[in-house]
């Protein structure tokens, strides 16, 4: 983190039954929570060109970045925790399609 700008890069197991629910939840909170509660964050996929390395199972990553020095990583984690299914690791708490 320098000048208040921070980011985190991670992977999501895209073949997991909850992968795209997770992406949807993260995107809704980090990119579009609401007009009155908008966070100064961006959640997005990142990848090298697939023709150079391989497919998304091996090379697709995700980034959360923030360009506001007042928004600390712990604050973003609190926002996510308060809006994600709880407990997040209990599969029965997620809205799975039958």
PDB file of N, CA and C in Angstrom:
ATOM      1  N   UNK A   1       0.855  -1.167   0.000  1.00  0.00           N
ATOM      2  CA  UNK A   1       0.000   0.000   0.000  1.00  0.00           C
ATOM      3  C   UNK A   1       0.903   1.233   0.000  1.00  0.00           C
ATOM      4  N   UNK A   2       0.678   2.121  -0.950  1.00  0.00           N
ATOM      5  CA  UNK A   2       1.400   3.388  -0.976  1.00  0.00           C
ATOM      6  C   UNK A   2       0.428   4.479  -1.388  1.00  0.00           C
ATOM      7  N   UNK A   3       0.542   5.622  -0.767  1.00  0.00           N
ATOM      8  CA  UNK A   3      -0.342   6.750  -1.056  1.00  0.00           C
ATOM      9  C   UNK A   3      -1.816   6.392  -0.881  1.00  0.00           C
ATOM     10  N   UNK A   4      -2.121   5.481   0.031  1.00  0.00           N
ATOM     11  CA  UNK A   4      -3.497   5.111   0.292  1.00  0.00           C
ATOM     12  C   UNK A   4      -4.099   4.152  -0.711  1.00  0.00           C
ATOM     13  N   UNK A   5      -3.361   3.804  -1.750  1.00  0.00           N
ATOM     14  CA  UNK A   5      -3.858   2.854  -2.746  1.00  0.00           C
ATOM     15  C   UNK A   5      -3.452   1.452  -2.318  1.00  0.00           C
ATOM     16  N   UNK A   6      -4.420   0.533  -2.300  1.00  0.00           N
ATOM     17  CA  UNK A   6      -4.110  -0.847  -1.960  1.00  0.00           C
ATOM     18  C   UNK A   6      -4.900  -1.775  -2.871  1.00  0.00           C
ATOM     19  N   UNK A   7      -4.420  -2.995  -2.949  1.00  0.00           N
ATOM     20  CA  UNK A   7      -5.106  -4.010  -3.747  1.00  0.00           C
ATOM     21  C   UNK A   7      -4.742  -5.388  -3.233  1.00  0.00           C
ATOM     22  N   UNK A   8      -5.600  -6.341  -3.550  1.00  0.00           N
ATOM     23  CA  UNK A   8      -5.342  -7.729  -3.210  1.00  0.00           C
ATOM     24  C   UNK A   8      -5.727  -8.572  -4.420  1.00  0.00           C
ATOM     25  N   UNK A   9      -4.898  -9.538  -4.730  1.00  0.00           N
ATOM     26  CA  UNK A   9      -5.135 -10.437  -5.858  1.00  0.00           C
ATOM     27  C   UNK A   9      -5.299 -11.853  -5.308  1.00  0.00           C
ATOM     28  N   UNK A  10      -6.316 -12.567  -5.816  1.00  0.00           N
ATOM     29  CA  UNK A  10      -6.584 -13.913  -5.328  1.00  0.00           C
ATOM     30  C   UNK A  10      -7.229 -14.736  -6.436  1.00  0.00           C
ATOM     31  N   UNK A  11      -7.359 -16.022  -6.183  1.00  0.00           N
ATOM     32  CA  UNK A  11      -8.015 -16.893  -7.156  1.00  0.00           C
ATOM     33  C   UNK A  11      -9.295 -17.449  -6.543  1.00  0.00           C
ATOM     34  N   UNK A  12     -10.185 -17.872  -7.407  1.00  0.00           N
ATOM     35  CA  UNK A  12     -11.426 -18.521  -7.015  1.00  0.00           C
ATOM     36  C   UNK A  12     -11.481 -19.829  -7.792  1.00  0.00           C
ATOM     37  N   UNK A  13     -11.789 -20.904  -7.106  1.00  0.00           N
ATOM     38  CA  UNK A  13     -11.905 -22.204  -7.756  1.00  0.00           C
ATOM     39  C   UNK A  13     -13.166 -22.171  -8.627  1.00  0.00           C
ATOM     40  N   UNK A  14     -12.989 -21.874  -9.921  1.00  0.00           N
ATOM     41  CA  UNK A  14     -14.137 -21.590 -10.783  1.00  0.00           C
ATOM     42  C   UNK A  14     -15.026 -22.794 -11.061  1.00  0.00           C
ATOM     43  N   UNK A  15     -14.558 -23.995 -10.774  1.00  0.00           N
ATOM     44  CA  UNK A  15     -15.394 -25.174 -10.970  1.00  0.00           C
ATOM     45  C   UNK A  15     -16.243 -25.511  -9.739  1.00  0.00           C
ATOM     46  N   UNK A  16     -16.046 -24.796  -8.651  1.00  0.00           N
ATOM     47  CA  UNK A  16     -16.826 -25.027  -7.439  1.00  0.00           C
ATOM     48  C   UNK A  16     -18.261 -24.562  -7.673  1.00  0.00           C
ATOM     49  N   UNK A  17     -19.216 -25.236  -7.086  1.00  0.00           N
ATOM     50  CA  UNK A  17     -20.627 -24.905  -7.287  1.00  0.00           C
ATOM     51  C   UNK A  17     -20.994 -23.487  -6.837  1.00  0.00           C
ATOM     52  N   UNK A  18     -20.207 -22.903  -5.959  1.00  0.00           N
ATOM     53  CA  UNK A  18     -20.495 -21.551  -5.467  1.00  0.00           C
ATOM     54  C   UNK A  18     -19.619 -20.467  -6.097  1.00  0.00           C
ATOM     55  N   UNK A  19     -18.780 -20.826  -7.040  1.00  0.00           N
ATOM     56  CA  UNK A  19     -17.829 -19.865  -7.597  1.00  0.00           C
ATOM     57  C   UNK A  19     -18.514 -18.622  -8.150  1.00  0.00           C
ATOM     58  N   UNK A  20     -19.516 -18.796  -8.976  1.00  0.00           N
ATOM     59  CA  UNK A  20     -20.123 -17.632  -9.626  1.00  0.00           C
ATOM     60  C   UNK A  20     -21.058 -16.889  -8.690  1.00  0.00           C
ATOM     61  N   UNK A  21     -21.611 -17.570  -7.683  1.00  0.00           N
ATOM     62  CA  UNK A  21     -22.341 -16.862  -6.634  1.00  0.00           C
ATOM     63  C   UNK A  21     -21.388 -15.949  -5.861  1.00  0.00           C
ATOM     64  N   UNK A  22     -20.198 -16.464  -5.601  1.00  0.00           N
ATOM     65  CA  UNK A  22     -19.191 -15.678  -4.894  1.00  0.00           C
ATOM     66  C   UNK A  22     -18.806 -14.446  -5.705  1.00  0.00           C
ATOM     67  N   UNK A  23     -18.548 -14.641  -6.993  1.00  0.00           N
ATOM     68  CA  UNK A  23     -18.212 -13.512  -7.872  1.00  0.00           C
ATOM     69  C   UNK A  23     -19.348 -12.497  -7.865  1.00  0.00           C
ATOM     70  N   UNK A  24     -20.571 -12.984  -7.971  1.00  0.00           N
ATOM     71  CA  UNK A  24     -21.725 -12.088  -7.989  1.00  0.00           C
ATOM     72  C   UNK A  24     -21.844 -11.306  -6.680  1.00  0.00           C
ATOM     73  N   UNK A  25     -21.675 -11.975  -5.556  1.00  0.00           N
ATOM     74  CA  UNK A  25     -21.753 -11.295  -4.259  1.00  0.00           C
ATOM     75  C   UNK A  25     -20.660 -10.246  -4.117  1.00  0.00           C
ATOM     76  N   UNK A  26     -19.423 -10.617  -4.453  1.00  0.00           N
ATOM     77  CA  UNK A  26     -18.315  -9.663  -4.354  1.00  0.00           C
ATOM     78  C   UNK A  26     -18.539  -8.462  -5.263  1.00  0.00           C
ATOM     79  N   UNK A  27     -18.966  -8.714  -6.488  1.00  0.00           N
ATOM     80  CA  UNK A  27     -19.199  -7.614  -7.429  1.00  0.00           C
ATOM     81  C   UNK A  27     -20.313  -6.691  -6.947  1.00  0.00           C
ATOM     82  N   UNK A  28     -21.381  -7.264  -6.408  1.00  0.00           N
ATOM     83  CA  UNK A  28     -22.488  -6.415  -5.976  1.00  0.00           C
ATOM     84  C   UNK A  28     -22.099  -5.525  -4.805  1.00  0.00           C
ATOM     85  N   UNK A  29     -21.314  -6.044  -3.882  1.00  0.00           N
ATOM     86  CA  UNK A  29     -20.900  -5.238  -2.732  1.00  0.00           C
ATOM     87  C   UNK A  29     -19.794  -4.253  -3.111  1.00  0.00           C
ATOM     88  N   UNK A  30     -18.774  -4.742  -3.795  1.00  0.00           N
ATOM     89  CA  UNK A  30     -17.591  -3.912  -4.046  1.00  0.00           C
ATOM     90  C   UNK A  30     -17.759  -2.926  -5.198  1.00  0.00           C
ATOM     91  N   UNK A  31     -18.626  -3.246  -6.166  1.00  0.00           N
ATOM     92  CA  UNK A  31     -18.780  -2.368  -7.329  1.00  0.00           C
ATOM     93  C   UNK A  31     -20.075  -1.568  -7.313  1.00  0.00           C
ATOM     94  N   UNK A  32     -21.146  -2.127  -6.781  1.00  0.00           N
ATOM     95  CA  UNK A  32     -22.461  -1.513  -6.966  1.00  0.00           C
ATOM     96  C   UNK A  32     -23.355  -1.597  -5.749  1.00  0.00           C
ATOM     97  N   UNK A  33     -22.833  -1.502  -4.554  1.00  0.00           N
ATOM     98  CA  UNK A  33     -23.651  -1.702  -3.356  1.00  0.00           C
ATOM     99  C   UNK A  33     -24.930  -0.866  -3.401  1.00  0.00           C
ATOM    100  N   UNK A  34     -24.796   0.414  -3.537  1.00  0.00           N
ATOM    101  CA  UNK A  34     -25.933   1.308  -3.742  1.00  0.00           C
ATOM    102  C   UNK A  34     -25.373   2.685  -4.038  1.00  0.00           C
ATOM    103  N   UNK A  35     -26.214   3.555  -4.537  1.00  0.00           N
ATOM    104  CA  UNK A  35     -25.755   4.916  -4.833  1.00  0.00           C
ATOM    105  C   UNK A  35     -25.386   5.671  -3.556  1.00  0.00           C
ATOM    106  N   UNK A  36     -26.053   5.358  -2.452  1.00  0.00           N
ATOM    107  CA  UNK A  36     -25.780   6.078  -1.210  1.00  0.00           C
ATOM    108  C   UNK A  36     -24.702   5.399  -0.363  1.00  0.00           C
ATOM    109  N   UNK A  37     -24.399   4.128  -0.623  1.00  0.00           N
ATOM    110  CA  UNK A  37     -23.404   3.404   0.160  1.00  0.00           C
ATOM    111  C   UNK A  37     -22.268   2.879  -0.720  1.00  0.00           C
ATOM    112  N   UNK A  38     -21.963   3.556  -1.784  1.00  0.00           N
ATOM    113  CA  UNK A  38     -20.956   3.079  -2.722  1.00  0.00           C
ATOM    114  C   UNK A  38     -19.568   3.077  -2.088  1.00  0.00           C
ATOM    115  N   UNK A  39     -18.875   1.973  -2.242  1.00  0.00           N
ATOM    116  CA  UNK A  39     -17.508   1.873  -1.741  1.00  0.00           C
ATOM    117  C   UNK A  39     -16.534   2.347  -2.814  1.00  0.00           C
ATOM    118  N   UNK A  40     -15.385   2.864  -2.415  1.00  0.00           N
ATOM    119  CA  UNK A  40     -14.380   3.309  -3.385  1.00  0.00           C
ATOM    120  C   UNK A  40     -13.508   2.137  -3.849  1.00  0.00           C
ATOM    121  N   UNK A  41     -14.162   1.035  -4.157  1.00  0.00           N
ATOM    122  CA  UNK A  41     -13.454  -0.189  -4.512  1.00  0.00           C
ATOM    123  C   UNK A  41     -13.880  -0.665  -5.893  1.00  0.00           C
ATOM    124  N   UNK A  42     -13.018  -1.501  -6.470  1.00  0.00           N
ATOM    125  CA  UNK A  42     -13.309  -2.152  -7.743  1.00  0.00           C
ATOM    126  C   UNK A  42     -12.941  -3.623  -7.595  1.00  0.00           C
ATOM    127  N   UNK A  43     -13.845  -4.477  -8.030  1.00  0.00           N
ATOM    128  CA  UNK A  43     -13.611  -5.913  -8.067  1.00  0.00           C
ATOM    129  C   UNK A  43     -13.628  -6.313  -9.527  1.00  0.00           C
ATOM    130  N   UNK A  44     -12.553  -6.966  -9.969  1.00  0.00           N
ATOM    131  CA  UNK A  44     -12.480  -7.303 -11.396  1.00  0.00           C
ATOM    132  C   UNK A  44     -11.608  -8.529 -11.627  1.00  0.00           C
ATOM    133  N   UNK A  45     -11.841  -9.210 -12.763  1.00  0.00           N
ATOM    134  CA  UNK A  45     -10.966 -10.318 -13.140  1.00  0.00           C
ATOM    135  C   UNK A  45      -9.707  -9.783 -13.812  1.00  0.00           C
ATOM    136  N   UNK A  46      -8.629 -10.499 -13.661  1.00  0.00           N
ATOM    137  CA  UNK A  46      -7.382 -10.180 -14.371  1.00  0.00           C
ATOM    138  C   UNK A  46      -6.782 -11.482 -14.882  1.00  0.00           C
ATOM    139  N   UNK A  47      -6.142 -11.389 -16.031  1.00  0.00           N
ATOM    140  CA  UNK A  47      -5.570 -12.587 -16.633  1.00  0.00           C
ATOM    141  C   UNK A  47      -4.541 -12.205 -17.681  1.00  0.00           C
ATOM    142  N   UNK A  48      -3.504 -13.027 -17.823  1.00  0.00           N
ATOM    143  CA  UNK A  48      -2.639 -12.857 -18.983  1.00  0.00           C
ATOM    144  C   UNK A  48      -3.413 -13.328 -20.216  1.00  0.00           C
ATOM    145  N   UNK A  49      -2.973 -12.998 -21.405  1.00  0.00           N
ATOM    146  CA  UNK A  49      -3.669 -13.469 -22.595  1.00  0.00           C
ATOM    147  C   UNK A  49      -3.746 -14.999 -22.610  1.00  0.00           C
ATOM    148  N   UNK A  50      -4.929 -15.567 -22.846  1.00  0.00           N
ATOM    149  CA  UNK A  50      -5.079 -17.020 -22.791  1.00  0.00           C
ATOM    150  C   UNK A  50      -4.219 -17.754 -23.814  1.00  0.00           C
ATOM    151  N   UNK A  51      -3.927 -17.127 -24.934  1.00  0.00           N
ATOM    152  CA  UNK A  51      -3.095 -17.790 -25.945  1.00  0.00           C
ATOM    153  C   UNK A  51      -1.647 -17.928 -25.494  1.00  0.00           C
ATOM    154  N   UNK A  52      -1.255 -17.223 -24.439  1.00  0.00           N
ATOM    155  CA  UNK A  52       0.116 -17.303 -23.948  1.00  0.00           C
ATOM    156  C   UNK A  52       0.286 -18.343 -22.842  1.00  0.00           C
ATOM    157  N   UNK A  53      -0.784 -18.649 -22.114  1.00  0.00           N
ATOM    158  CA  UNK A  53      -0.621 -19.485 -20.932  1.00  0.00           C
ATOM    159  C   UNK A  53      -1.591 -20.650 -20.838  1.00  0.00           C
ATOM    160  N   UNK A  54      -2.842 -20.398 -20.953  1.00  0.00           N
ATOM    161  CA  UNK A  54      -3.833 -21.441 -20.765  1.00  0.00           C
ATOM    162  C   UNK A  54      -5.155 -20.856 -20.340  1.00  0.00           C
ATOM    163  N   UNK A  55      -6.056 -21.711 -19.927  1.00  0.00           N
ATOM    164  CA  UNK A  55      -7.415 -21.302 -19.630  1.00  0.00           C
ATOM    165  C   UNK A  55      -7.617 -20.717 -18.255  1.00  0.00           C
ATOM    166  N   UNK A  56      -8.864 -20.356 -17.969  1.00  0.00           N
ATOM    167  CA  UNK A  56      -9.195 -19.667 -16.720  1.00  0.00           C
ATOM    168  C   UNK A  56      -8.988 -20.513 -15.467  1.00  0.00           C
ATOM    169  N   UNK A  57      -9.071 -21.813 -15.583  1.00  0.00           N
ATOM    170  CA  UNK A  57      -8.858 -22.654 -14.409  1.00  0.00           C
ATOM    171  C   UNK A  57      -7.474 -22.493 -13.814  1.00  0.00           C
ATOM    172  N   UNK A  58      -6.506 -22.155 -14.646  1.00  0.00           N
ATOM    173  CA  UNK A  58      -5.126 -22.002 -14.191  1.00  0.00           C
ATOM    174  C   UNK A  58      -4.668 -20.552 -14.067  1.00  0.00           C
ATOM    175  N   UNK A  59      -5.232 -19.646 -14.864  1.00  0.00           N
ATOM    176  CA  UNK A  59      -4.656 -18.310 -14.945  1.00  0.00           C
ATOM    177  C   UNK A  59      -5.587 -17.150 -14.658  1.00  0.00           C
ATOM    178  N   UNK A  60      -6.845 -17.395 -14.410  1.00  0.00           N
ATOM    179  CA  UNK A  60      -7.760 -16.314 -14.083  1.00  0.00           C
ATOM    180  C   UNK A  60      -7.608 -15.966 -12.609  1.00  0.00           C
ATOM    181  N   UNK A  61      -7.394 -14.702 -12.331  1.00  0.00           N
ATOM    182  CA  UNK A  61      -7.298 -14.199 -10.966  1.00  0.00           C
ATOM    183  C   UNK A  61      -8.293 -13.064 -10.797  1.00  0.00           C
ATOM    184  N   UNK A  62      -8.463 -12.655  -9.573  1.00  0.00           N
ATOM    185  CA  UNK A  62      -9.408 -11.586  -9.238  1.00  0.00           C
ATOM    186  C   UNK A  62      -8.682 -10.549  -8.398  1.00  0.00           C
ATOM    187  N   UNK A  63      -9.065  -9.295  -8.559  1.00  0.00           N
ATOM    188  CA  UNK A  63      -8.431  -8.197  -7.835  1.00  0.00           C
ATOM    189  C   UNK A  63      -9.510  -7.342  -7.184  1.00  0.00           C
ATOM    190  N   UNK A  64      -9.258  -6.984  -5.947  1.00  0.00           N
ATOM    191  CA  UNK A  64     -10.010  -5.932  -5.272  1.00  0.00           C
ATOM    192  C   UNK A  64      -9.021  -4.800  -5.096  1.00  0.00           C
ATOM    193  N   UNK A  65      -9.373  -3.623  -5.606  1.00  0.00           N
ATOM    194  CA  UNK A  65      -8.475  -2.481  -5.438  1.00  0.00           C
ATOM    195  C   UNK A  65      -9.255  -1.292  -4.901  1.00  0.00           C
ATOM    196  N   UNK A  66      -8.527  -0.437  -4.197  1.00  0.00           N
ATOM    197  CA  UNK A  66      -9.129   0.747  -3.594  1.00  0.00           C
ATOM    198  C   UNK A  66      -8.160   1.909  -3.757  1.00  0.00           C
ATOM    199  N   UNK A  67      -8.698   3.036  -4.162  1.00  0.00           N
ATOM    200  CA  UNK A  67      -7.864   4.224  -4.373  1.00  0.00           C
ATOM    201  C   UNK A  67      -8.204   5.353  -3.387  1.00  0.00           C
ATOM    202  N   UNK A  68      -8.827   5.006  -2.294  1.00  0.00           N
ATOM    203  CA  UNK A  68      -9.211   5.988  -1.286  1.00  0.00           C
ATOM    204  C   UNK A  68      -8.456   5.687  -0.001  1.00  0.00           C
ATOM    205  N   UNK A  69      -7.601   6.617   0.414  1.00  0.00           N
ATOM    206  CA  UNK A  69      -6.771   6.364   1.590  1.00  0.00           C
ATOM    207  C   UNK A  69      -7.585   6.288   2.883  1.00  0.00           C
ATOM    208  N   UNK A  70      -8.831   6.720   2.852  1.00  0.00           N
ATOM    209  CA  UNK A  70      -9.675   6.629   4.047  1.00  0.00           C
ATOM    210  C   UNK A  70     -10.312   5.247   4.191  1.00  0.00           C
ATOM    211  N   UNK A  71     -10.337   4.474   3.126  1.00  0.00           N
ATOM    212  CA  UNK A  71     -10.968   3.147   3.155  1.00  0.00           C
ATOM    213  C   UNK A  71      -9.883   2.098   3.345  1.00  0.00           C
ATOM    214  N   UNK A  72      -9.773   1.607   4.552  1.00  0.00           N
ATOM    215  CA  UNK A  72      -8.749   0.633   4.898  1.00  0.00           C
ATOM    216  C   UNK A  72      -9.220  -0.778   4.521  1.00  0.00           C
ATOM    217  N   UNK A  73      -8.290  -1.689   4.281  1.00  0.00           N
ATOM    218  CA  UNK A  73      -8.669  -3.070   3.943  1.00  0.00           C
ATOM    219  C   UNK A  73      -9.584  -3.724   4.981  1.00  0.00           C
ATOM    220  N   UNK A  74      -9.351  -3.461   6.253  1.00  0.00           N
ATOM    221  CA  UNK A  74     -10.198  -4.038   7.295  1.00  0.00           C
ATOM    222  C   UNK A  74     -11.639  -3.548   7.220  1.00  0.00           C
ATOM    223  N   UNK A  75     -11.821  -2.305   6.814  1.00  0.00           N
ATOM    224  CA  UNK A  75     -13.169  -1.757   6.650  1.00  0.00           C
ATOM    225  C   UNK A  75     -13.895  -2.464   5.519  1.00  0.00           C
ATOM    226  N   UNK A  76     -13.189  -2.693   4.414  1.00  0.00           N
ATOM    227  CA  UNK A  76     -13.779  -3.416   3.284  1.00  0.00           C
ATOM    228  C   UNK A  76     -14.120  -4.847   3.708  1.00  0.00           C
ATOM    229  N   UNK A  77     -13.245  -5.478   4.448  1.00  0.00           N
ATOM    230  CA  UNK A  77     -13.515  -6.837   4.943  1.00  0.00           C
ATOM    231  C   UNK A  77     -14.773  -6.839   5.819  1.00  0.00           C
ATOM    232  N   UNK A  78     -14.953  -5.830   6.659  1.00  0.00           N
ATOM    233  CA  UNK A  78     -16.151  -5.731   7.500  1.00  0.00           C
ATOM    234  C   UNK A  78     -17.407  -5.584   6.643  1.00  0.00           C
ATOM    235  N   UNK A  79     -17.346  -4.744   5.591  1.00  0.00           N
ATOM    236  CA  UNK A  79     -18.492  -4.570   4.693  1.00  0.00           C
ATOM    237  C   UNK A  79     -18.842  -5.898   4.028  1.00  0.00           C
ATOM    238  N   UNK A  80     -17.836  -6.598   3.556  1.00  0.00           N
ATOM    239  CA  UNK A  80     -18.080  -7.886   2.906  1.00  0.00           C
ATOM    240  C   UNK A  80     -18.680  -8.885   3.882  1.00  0.00           C
ATOM    241  N   UNK A  81     -18.090  -8.976   5.054  1.00  0.00           N
ATOM    242  CA  UNK A  81     -18.562  -9.935   6.045  1.00  0.00           C
ATOM    243  C   UNK A  81     -20.014  -9.676   6.428  1.00  0.00           C
ATOM    244  N   UNK A  82     -20.403  -8.415   6.510  1.00  0.00           N
ATOM    245  CA  UNK A  82     -21.768  -8.097   6.921  1.00  0.00           C
ATOM    246  C   UNK A  82     -22.795  -8.366   5.821  1.00  0.00           C
ATOM    247  N   UNK A  83     -22.344  -8.563   4.593  1.00  0.00           N
ATOM    248  CA  UNK A  83     -23.275  -8.755   3.483  1.00  0.00           C
ATOM    249  C   UNK A  83     -23.208 -10.129   2.822  1.00  0.00           C
ATOM    250  N   UNK A  84     -22.234 -10.927   3.191  1.00  0.00           N
ATOM    251  CA  UNK A  84     -22.109 -12.266   2.630  1.00  0.00           C
ATOM    252  C   UNK A  84     -22.911 -13.246   3.484  1.00  0.00           C
ATOM    253  N   UNK A  85     -23.278 -14.396   2.915  1.00  0.00           N
ATOM    254  CA  UNK A  85     -23.953 -15.409   3.725  1.00  0.00           C
ATOM    255  C   UNK A  85     -23.101 -15.777   4.941  1.00  0.00           C
ATOM    256  N   UNK A  86     -23.785 -16.041   6.070  1.00  0.00           N
ATOM    257  CA  UNK A  86     -23.070 -16.349   7.305  1.00  0.00           C
ATOM    258  C   UNK A  86     -23.528 -17.670   7.872  1.00  0.00           C
ATOM    259  N   UNK A  87     -22.635 -18.485   8.317  1.00  0.00           N
ATOM    260  CA  UNK A  87     -21.193 -18.367   8.089  1.00  0.00           C
ATOM    261  C   UNK A  87     -20.863 -18.645   6.624  1.00  0.00           C
ATOM    262  N   UNK A  88     -19.894 -17.935   6.122  1.00  0.00           N
ATOM    263  CA  UNK A  88     -19.581 -17.973   4.696  1.00  0.00           C
ATOM    264  C   UNK A  88     -19.163 -19.363   4.232  1.00  0.00           C
ATOM    265  N   UNK A  89     -18.627 -20.181   5.110  1.00  0.00           N
ATOM    266  CA  UNK A  89     -18.187 -21.520   4.709  1.00  0.00           C
ATOM    267  C   UNK A  89     -19.264 -22.595   4.889  1.00  0.00           C
ATOM    268  N   UNK A  90     -20.483 -22.195   5.272  1.00  0.00           N
ATOM    269  CA  UNK A  90     -21.605 -23.126   5.383  1.00  0.00           C
ATOM    270  C   UNK A  90     -22.363 -23.104   4.056  1.00  0.00           C
ATOM    271  N   UNK A  91     -22.235 -24.156   3.265  1.00  0.00           N
ATOM    272  CA  UNK A  91     -22.832 -24.200   1.931  1.00  0.00           C
ATOM    273  C   UNK A  91     -24.352 -24.065   1.957  1.00  0.00           C
ATOM    274  N   UNK A  92     -24.989 -24.439   3.065  1.00  0.00           N
ATOM    275  CA  UNK A  92     -26.442 -24.345   3.143  1.00  0.00           C
ATOM    276  C   UNK A  92     -26.927 -22.893   3.229  1.00  0.00           C
ATOM    277  N   UNK A  93     -26.048 -21.972   3.528  1.00  0.00           N
ATOM    278  CA  UNK A  93     -26.428 -20.555   3.638  1.00  0.00           C
ATOM    279  C   UNK A  93     -26.417 -19.842   2.296  1.00  0.00           C
ATOM    280  N   UNK A  94     -25.893 -20.479   1.263  1.00  0.00           N
ATOM    281  CA  UNK A  94     -25.795 -19.880  -0.074  1.00  0.00           C
ATOM    282  C   UNK A  94     -27.004 -20.268  -0.912  1.00  0.00           C
ATOM    283  N   UNK A  95     -27.480 -19.363  -1.767  1.00  0.00           N
ATOM    284  CA  UNK A  95     -28.663 -19.641  -2.595  1.00  0.00           C
ATOM    285  C   UNK A  95     -28.326 -20.498  -3.808  1.00  0.00           C
ATOM    286  N   UNK A  96     -28.334 -21.806  -3.640  1.00  0.00           N
ATOM    287  CA  UNK A  96     -28.010 -22.699  -4.746  1.00  0.00           C
ATOM    288  C   UNK A  96     -29.248 -23.018  -5.564  1.00  0.00           C
ATOM    289  N   UNK A  97     -29.086 -23.022  -6.869  1.00  0.00           N
ATOM    290  CA  UNK A  97     -30.166 -23.438  -7.748  1.00  0.00           C
ATOM    291  C   UNK A  97     -30.211 -24.961  -7.770  1.00  0.00           C
ATOM    292  N   UNK A  98     -31.391 -25.497  -7.759  1.00  0.00           N
ATOM    293  CA  UNK A  98     -31.555 -26.956  -7.804  1.00  0.00           C
ATOM    294  C   UNK A  98     -31.368 -27.474  -9.214  1.00  0.00           C
TER     295      UNK A  98
END
